[in-house]
């Protein structure tokens, strides 16, 4: 478990944004990623008949579509205990295998930090 108060301000920000989009949209997961310039991209789970994407993969796709060249960090707010391998791979595709992924519960408490890839 990671003490959320020990996170730096930028990491707290992406956890807060991920938590907010999850609550606002009423979706299973919310995610946020921060690119190399400090811009953030926020997304919730996409569940359409023809398209299903996790919140984290959607946030990565939004970053790519907006021209991000790399990622500094990612956060996902979820009931799950960890992050799916496909989500970690998407973060690694843009950010590299060492990019931290913060996994927080619905209350915003960071439960663990994993690396992408």
N, C-alpha and C. Protein backbone atom coordinates (compact mmCIF):
# COMPACT_ATOMS: atom_id res chain seq x y z
N UNK A 1 0.84 -1.18 0.00
CA UNK A 1 0.00 0.00 0.00
C UNK A 1 0.88 1.24 0.00
N UNK A 2 0.48 2.25 -0.74
CA UNK A 2 1.20 3.50 -0.82
C UNK A 2 0.39 4.57 -0.13
N UNK A 3 1.03 5.36 0.70
CA UNK A 3 0.35 6.46 1.37
C UNK A 3 0.10 7.56 0.35
N UNK A 4 -1.17 7.82 0.03
CA UNK A 4 -1.51 8.81 -0.99
C UNK A 4 -1.01 10.20 -0.62
N UNK A 5 -0.89 10.48 0.66
CA UNK A 5 -0.39 11.80 1.06
C UNK A 5 1.09 11.93 0.77
N UNK A 6 1.80 10.82 0.58
CA UNK A 6 3.23 10.85 0.28
C UNK A 6 3.48 11.08 -1.21
N UNK A 7 2.46 11.03 -2.03
CA UNK A 7 2.63 11.25 -3.46
C UNK A 7 2.95 12.72 -3.72
N UNK A 8 3.70 12.96 -4.80
CA UNK A 8 3.93 14.37 -5.14
C UNK A 8 2.64 14.95 -5.70
N UNK A 9 2.61 16.25 -5.81
CA UNK A 9 1.38 16.96 -6.21
C UNK A 9 0.88 16.51 -7.58
N UNK A 10 1.77 16.27 -8.52
CA UNK A 10 1.36 15.87 -9.86
C UNK A 10 0.74 14.47 -9.87
N UNK A 11 1.27 13.57 -9.06
CA UNK A 11 0.69 12.23 -8.98
C UNK A 11 -0.65 12.26 -8.25
N UNK A 12 -0.76 13.07 -7.21
CA UNK A 12 -2.06 13.23 -6.52
C UNK A 12 -3.10 13.76 -7.50
N UNK A 13 -2.66 14.68 -8.37
CA UNK A 13 -3.58 15.27 -9.35
C UNK A 13 -4.16 14.21 -10.29
N UNK A 14 -3.32 13.32 -10.82
CA UNK A 14 -3.86 12.34 -11.76
C UNK A 14 -4.76 11.32 -11.05
N UNK A 15 -4.45 11.00 -9.80
CA UNK A 15 -5.34 10.11 -9.04
C UNK A 15 -6.69 10.79 -8.82
N UNK A 16 -6.66 12.07 -8.45
CA UNK A 16 -7.90 12.82 -8.22
C UNK A 16 -8.73 12.92 -9.50
N UNK A 17 -8.07 13.19 -10.62
CA UNK A 17 -8.79 13.28 -11.90
C UNK A 17 -9.40 11.94 -12.29
N UNK A 18 -8.65 10.86 -12.09
CA UNK A 18 -9.17 9.53 -12.40
C UNK A 18 -10.38 9.20 -11.53
N UNK A 19 -10.29 9.54 -10.27
CA UNK A 19 -11.40 9.30 -9.34
C UNK A 19 -12.63 10.12 -9.75
N UNK A 20 -12.41 11.34 -10.14
CA UNK A 20 -13.52 12.23 -10.53
C UNK A 20 -14.25 11.73 -11.77
N UNK A 21 -13.50 11.30 -12.79
CA UNK A 21 -14.17 10.84 -14.02
C UNK A 21 -14.94 9.55 -13.75
N UNK A 22 -14.41 8.70 -12.90
CA UNK A 22 -15.12 7.45 -12.55
C UNK A 22 -16.46 7.78 -11.88
N UNK A 23 -16.43 8.68 -10.92
CA UNK A 23 -17.66 9.04 -10.21
C UNK A 23 -18.63 9.81 -11.10
N UNK A 24 -18.12 10.77 -11.85
CA UNK A 24 -18.97 11.62 -12.70
C UNK A 24 -19.68 10.80 -13.78
N UNK A 25 -18.96 9.84 -14.37
CA UNK A 25 -19.54 9.07 -15.48
C UNK A 25 -20.19 7.77 -15.04
N UNK A 26 -20.05 7.43 -13.77
CA UNK A 26 -20.65 6.20 -13.27
C UNK A 26 -20.12 4.95 -13.94
N UNK A 27 -18.81 4.92 -14.20
CA UNK A 27 -18.19 3.80 -14.89
C UNK A 27 -17.34 2.99 -13.91
N UNK A 28 -17.01 1.74 -14.27
CA UNK A 28 -16.22 0.89 -13.36
C UNK A 28 -14.83 1.41 -13.03
N UNK A 29 -14.21 2.10 -14.00
CA UNK A 29 -12.85 2.60 -13.80
C UNK A 29 -12.71 4.01 -14.34
N UNK A 30 -11.83 4.76 -13.72
CA UNK A 30 -11.41 6.06 -14.22
C UNK A 30 -9.91 6.04 -14.30
N UNK A 31 -9.35 6.73 -15.27
CA UNK A 31 -7.89 6.75 -15.42
C UNK A 31 -7.43 8.12 -15.88
N UNK A 32 -6.17 8.40 -15.59
CA UNK A 32 -5.54 9.62 -16.08
C UNK A 32 -4.08 9.30 -16.36
N UNK A 33 -3.55 9.93 -17.40
CA UNK A 33 -2.13 9.81 -17.72
C UNK A 33 -1.56 11.21 -17.87
N UNK A 34 -0.26 11.33 -17.58
CA UNK A 34 0.44 12.60 -17.72
C UNK A 34 1.55 12.43 -18.76
N UNK A 35 1.58 13.32 -19.74
CA UNK A 35 2.58 13.19 -20.80
C UNK A 35 3.87 13.94 -20.44
N UNK A 36 4.80 13.93 -21.38
CA UNK A 36 6.12 14.51 -21.16
C UNK A 36 6.10 16.02 -20.96
N UNK A 37 5.02 16.68 -21.34
CA UNK A 37 4.92 18.13 -21.17
C UNK A 37 4.10 18.50 -19.94
N UNK A 38 3.60 17.49 -19.23
CA UNK A 38 2.78 17.75 -18.05
C UNK A 38 1.29 17.78 -18.33
N UNK A 39 0.89 17.64 -19.59
CA UNK A 39 -0.54 17.60 -19.91
C UNK A 39 -1.14 16.30 -19.40
N UNK A 40 -2.40 16.37 -19.00
CA UNK A 40 -3.09 15.18 -18.52
C UNK A 40 -4.25 14.84 -19.43
N UNK A 41 -4.51 13.55 -19.51
CA UNK A 41 -5.60 13.01 -20.31
C UNK A 41 -6.40 12.09 -19.40
N UNK A 42 -7.69 12.29 -19.36
CA UNK A 42 -8.55 11.60 -18.41
C UNK A 42 -9.63 10.84 -19.17
N UNK A 43 -9.94 9.63 -18.72
CA UNK A 43 -10.96 8.83 -19.41
C UNK A 43 -11.60 7.85 -18.45
N UNK A 44 -12.79 7.43 -18.83
CA UNK A 44 -13.48 6.37 -18.11
C UNK A 44 -13.59 5.14 -19.00
N UNK A 45 -14.08 4.08 -18.43
CA UNK A 45 -14.30 2.85 -19.17
C UNK A 45 -15.25 3.10 -20.34
N UNK A 46 -14.94 2.52 -21.50
CA UNK A 46 -15.81 2.60 -22.68
C UNK A 46 -16.43 1.22 -22.87
N UNK A 47 -17.75 1.16 -22.86
CA UNK A 47 -18.45 -0.12 -23.02
C UNK A 47 -19.60 0.05 -24.00
N UNK A 48 -19.27 -0.03 -25.28
CA UNK A 48 -20.26 0.05 -26.35
C UNK A 48 -20.42 -1.34 -26.96
N UNK A 49 -21.51 -1.58 -27.65
CA UNK A 49 -21.67 -2.89 -28.29
C UNK A 49 -20.52 -3.23 -29.24
N UNK A 50 -19.98 -2.22 -29.91
CA UNK A 50 -18.93 -2.49 -30.90
C UNK A 50 -17.53 -2.11 -30.42
N UNK A 51 -17.40 -1.56 -29.22
CA UNK A 51 -16.10 -1.12 -28.74
C UNK A 51 -16.04 -1.18 -27.22
N UNK A 52 -15.07 -1.92 -26.71
CA UNK A 52 -14.85 -1.97 -25.27
C UNK A 52 -13.39 -1.65 -25.00
N UNK A 53 -13.18 -0.63 -24.15
CA UNK A 53 -11.84 -0.23 -23.77
C UNK A 53 -11.81 0.06 -22.28
N UNK A 54 -10.75 -0.33 -21.65
CA UNK A 54 -10.58 0.04 -20.25
C UNK A 54 -10.33 1.54 -20.17
N UNK A 55 -10.49 2.08 -19.00
CA UNK A 55 -10.25 3.51 -18.80
C UNK A 55 -8.80 3.86 -19.11
N UNK A 56 -7.86 3.02 -18.69
CA UNK A 56 -6.45 3.33 -18.90
C UNK A 56 -6.08 3.29 -20.37
N UNK A 57 -6.56 2.29 -21.10
CA UNK A 57 -6.27 2.24 -22.53
C UNK A 57 -6.90 3.42 -23.26
N UNK A 58 -8.08 3.85 -22.81
CA UNK A 58 -8.73 5.00 -23.42
C UNK A 58 -7.93 6.27 -23.17
N UNK A 59 -7.42 6.45 -21.94
CA UNK A 59 -6.61 7.62 -21.63
C UNK A 59 -5.32 7.63 -22.45
N UNK A 60 -4.69 6.48 -22.62
CA UNK A 60 -3.48 6.38 -23.45
C UNK A 60 -3.83 6.75 -24.89
N UNK A 61 -4.93 6.23 -25.39
CA UNK A 61 -5.33 6.55 -26.77
C UNK A 61 -5.58 8.05 -26.94
N UNK A 62 -6.19 8.67 -25.95
CA UNK A 62 -6.42 10.12 -26.01
C UNK A 62 -5.10 10.88 -26.05
N UNK A 63 -4.12 10.43 -25.27
CA UNK A 63 -2.81 11.08 -25.27
C UNK A 63 -2.15 10.95 -26.64
N UNK A 64 -2.19 9.75 -27.20
CA UNK A 64 -1.60 9.53 -28.53
C UNK A 64 -2.30 10.39 -29.57
N UNK A 65 -3.63 10.41 -29.54
CA UNK A 65 -4.40 11.18 -30.52
C UNK A 65 -4.14 12.69 -30.39
N UNK A 66 -3.70 13.11 -29.21
CA UNK A 66 -3.41 14.53 -28.99
C UNK A 66 -1.95 14.89 -29.25
N UNK A 67 -1.15 13.90 -29.66
CA UNK A 67 0.24 14.18 -30.03
C UNK A 67 1.27 13.93 -28.95
N UNK A 68 0.90 13.31 -27.84
CA UNK A 68 1.88 13.02 -26.79
C UNK A 68 2.96 12.09 -27.35
N UNK A 69 4.19 12.35 -26.95
CA UNK A 69 5.32 11.53 -27.40
C UNK A 69 5.72 10.49 -26.37
N UNK A 70 5.42 10.75 -25.10
CA UNK A 70 5.73 9.79 -24.04
C UNK A 70 4.87 10.09 -22.82
N UNK A 71 4.89 9.18 -21.86
CA UNK A 71 4.15 9.35 -20.62
C UNK A 71 5.11 9.37 -19.44
N UNK A 72 4.78 10.20 -18.46
CA UNK A 72 5.54 10.25 -17.22
C UNK A 72 4.94 9.34 -16.16
N UNK A 73 3.59 9.25 -16.14
CA UNK A 73 2.91 8.47 -15.10
C UNK A 73 1.47 8.23 -15.53
N UNK A 74 0.87 7.23 -14.88
CA UNK A 74 -0.53 6.90 -15.12
C UNK A 74 -1.17 6.54 -13.79
N UNK A 75 -2.49 6.71 -13.73
CA UNK A 75 -3.24 6.32 -12.54
C UNK A 75 -4.56 5.72 -12.98
N UNK A 76 -5.01 4.73 -12.23
CA UNK A 76 -6.31 4.13 -12.48
C UNK A 76 -7.02 3.96 -11.14
N UNK A 77 -8.29 4.32 -11.12
CA UNK A 77 -9.13 4.14 -9.93
C UNK A 77 -10.10 3.02 -10.26
N UNK A 78 -10.06 1.98 -9.44
CA UNK A 78 -10.77 0.75 -9.75
C UNK A 78 -11.05 -0.05 -8.49
N UNK A 79 -12.00 -0.96 -8.60
CA UNK A 79 -12.23 -1.93 -7.53
C UNK A 79 -11.27 -3.12 -7.66
N UNK A 80 -10.67 -3.27 -8.83
CA UNK A 80 -9.76 -4.40 -9.07
C UNK A 80 -8.51 -4.27 -8.19
N UNK A 81 -7.88 -5.38 -7.94
CA UNK A 81 -6.69 -5.39 -7.10
C UNK A 81 -5.43 -4.92 -7.82
N UNK A 82 -5.41 -5.04 -9.14
CA UNK A 82 -4.24 -4.65 -9.91
C UNK A 82 -4.68 -4.12 -11.27
N UNK A 83 -3.74 -4.03 -12.17
CA UNK A 83 -3.98 -3.51 -13.51
C UNK A 83 -3.81 -4.64 -14.51
N UNK A 84 -4.73 -4.74 -15.45
CA UNK A 84 -4.65 -5.78 -16.48
C UNK A 84 -3.36 -5.63 -17.29
N UNK A 85 -2.84 -6.76 -17.72
CA UNK A 85 -1.61 -6.77 -18.52
C UNK A 85 -1.75 -5.90 -19.77
N UNK A 86 -2.92 -5.94 -20.42
CA UNK A 86 -3.13 -5.12 -21.63
C UNK A 86 -3.06 -3.63 -21.32
N UNK A 87 -3.51 -3.23 -20.13
CA UNK A 87 -3.43 -1.82 -19.73
C UNK A 87 -1.98 -1.42 -19.50
N UNK A 88 -1.23 -2.26 -18.81
CA UNK A 88 0.18 -1.98 -18.56
C UNK A 88 0.96 -1.92 -19.88
N UNK A 89 0.60 -2.78 -20.82
CA UNK A 89 1.27 -2.78 -22.12
C UNK A 89 0.99 -1.49 -22.88
N UNK A 90 -0.23 -0.98 -22.81
CA UNK A 90 -0.57 0.27 -23.50
C UNK A 90 0.24 1.43 -22.93
N UNK A 91 0.37 1.47 -21.61
CA UNK A 91 1.18 2.52 -20.98
C UNK A 91 2.63 2.37 -21.41
N UNK A 92 3.15 1.15 -21.44
CA UNK A 92 4.54 0.90 -21.84
C UNK A 92 4.78 1.28 -23.30
N UNK A 93 3.78 1.08 -24.17
CA UNK A 93 3.94 1.43 -25.58
C UNK A 93 4.30 2.91 -25.75
N UNK A 94 3.71 3.75 -24.92
CA UNK A 94 3.95 5.19 -25.05
C UNK A 94 4.98 5.69 -24.03
N UNK A 95 4.97 5.13 -22.84
CA UNK A 95 5.81 5.66 -21.78
C UNK A 95 7.08 4.89 -21.51
N UNK A 96 7.14 3.66 -21.98
CA UNK A 96 8.28 2.82 -21.67
C UNK A 96 7.95 1.88 -20.52
N UNK A 97 8.73 0.82 -20.40
CA UNK A 97 8.44 -0.24 -19.44
C UNK A 97 8.53 0.22 -17.99
N UNK A 98 9.23 1.28 -17.70
CA UNK A 98 9.38 1.73 -16.32
C UNK A 98 8.37 2.75 -15.85
N UNK A 99 7.43 3.11 -16.70
CA UNK A 99 6.45 4.14 -16.33
C UNK A 99 5.61 3.67 -15.16
N UNK A 100 5.51 4.48 -14.10
CA UNK A 100 4.70 4.07 -12.95
C UNK A 100 3.21 4.16 -13.23
N UNK A 101 2.48 3.15 -12.76
CA UNK A 101 1.02 3.13 -12.85
C UNK A 101 0.50 3.03 -11.41
N UNK A 102 -0.16 4.08 -10.96
CA UNK A 102 -0.73 4.12 -9.62
C UNK A 102 -2.10 3.47 -9.65
N UNK A 103 -2.33 2.52 -8.77
CA UNK A 103 -3.61 1.82 -8.69
C UNK A 103 -4.29 2.24 -7.40
N UNK A 104 -5.44 2.91 -7.53
CA UNK A 104 -6.15 3.43 -6.36
C UNK A 104 -7.54 2.84 -6.27
N UNK A 105 -8.03 2.78 -5.06
CA UNK A 105 -9.40 2.35 -4.83
C UNK A 105 -10.36 3.49 -5.08
N UNK A 106 -11.66 3.22 -5.02
CA UNK A 106 -12.67 4.25 -5.28
C UNK A 106 -12.56 5.48 -4.36
N UNK A 107 -11.96 5.30 -3.19
CA UNK A 107 -11.80 6.43 -2.28
C UNK A 107 -10.56 7.27 -2.60
N UNK A 108 -9.80 6.86 -3.62
CA UNK A 108 -8.61 7.59 -4.02
C UNK A 108 -7.34 7.18 -3.33
N UNK A 109 -7.44 6.20 -2.42
CA UNK A 109 -6.24 5.71 -1.74
C UNK A 109 -5.45 4.81 -2.68
N UNK A 110 -4.20 5.16 -2.89
CA UNK A 110 -3.34 4.36 -3.76
C UNK A 110 -2.98 3.07 -3.04
N UNK A 111 -3.35 1.95 -3.65
CA UNK A 111 -3.09 0.64 -3.06
C UNK A 111 -1.75 0.07 -3.46
N UNK A 112 -1.34 0.35 -4.68
CA UNK A 112 -0.04 -0.11 -5.13
C UNK A 112 0.39 0.67 -6.35
N UNK A 113 1.67 0.61 -6.61
CA UNK A 113 2.25 1.19 -7.82
C UNK A 113 2.95 0.07 -8.56
N UNK A 114 2.58 -0.09 -9.81
CA UNK A 114 3.23 -1.08 -10.67
C UNK A 114 3.93 -0.34 -11.80
N UNK A 115 4.80 -1.03 -12.48
CA UNK A 115 5.42 -0.41 -13.66
C UNK A 115 4.77 -0.98 -14.90
N UNK A 116 4.76 -0.14 -15.92
CA UNK A 116 4.17 -0.57 -17.19
C UNK A 116 5.05 -1.66 -17.80
N UNK A 117 4.43 -2.43 -18.67
CA UNK A 117 5.19 -3.44 -19.42
C UNK A 117 5.50 -4.64 -18.68
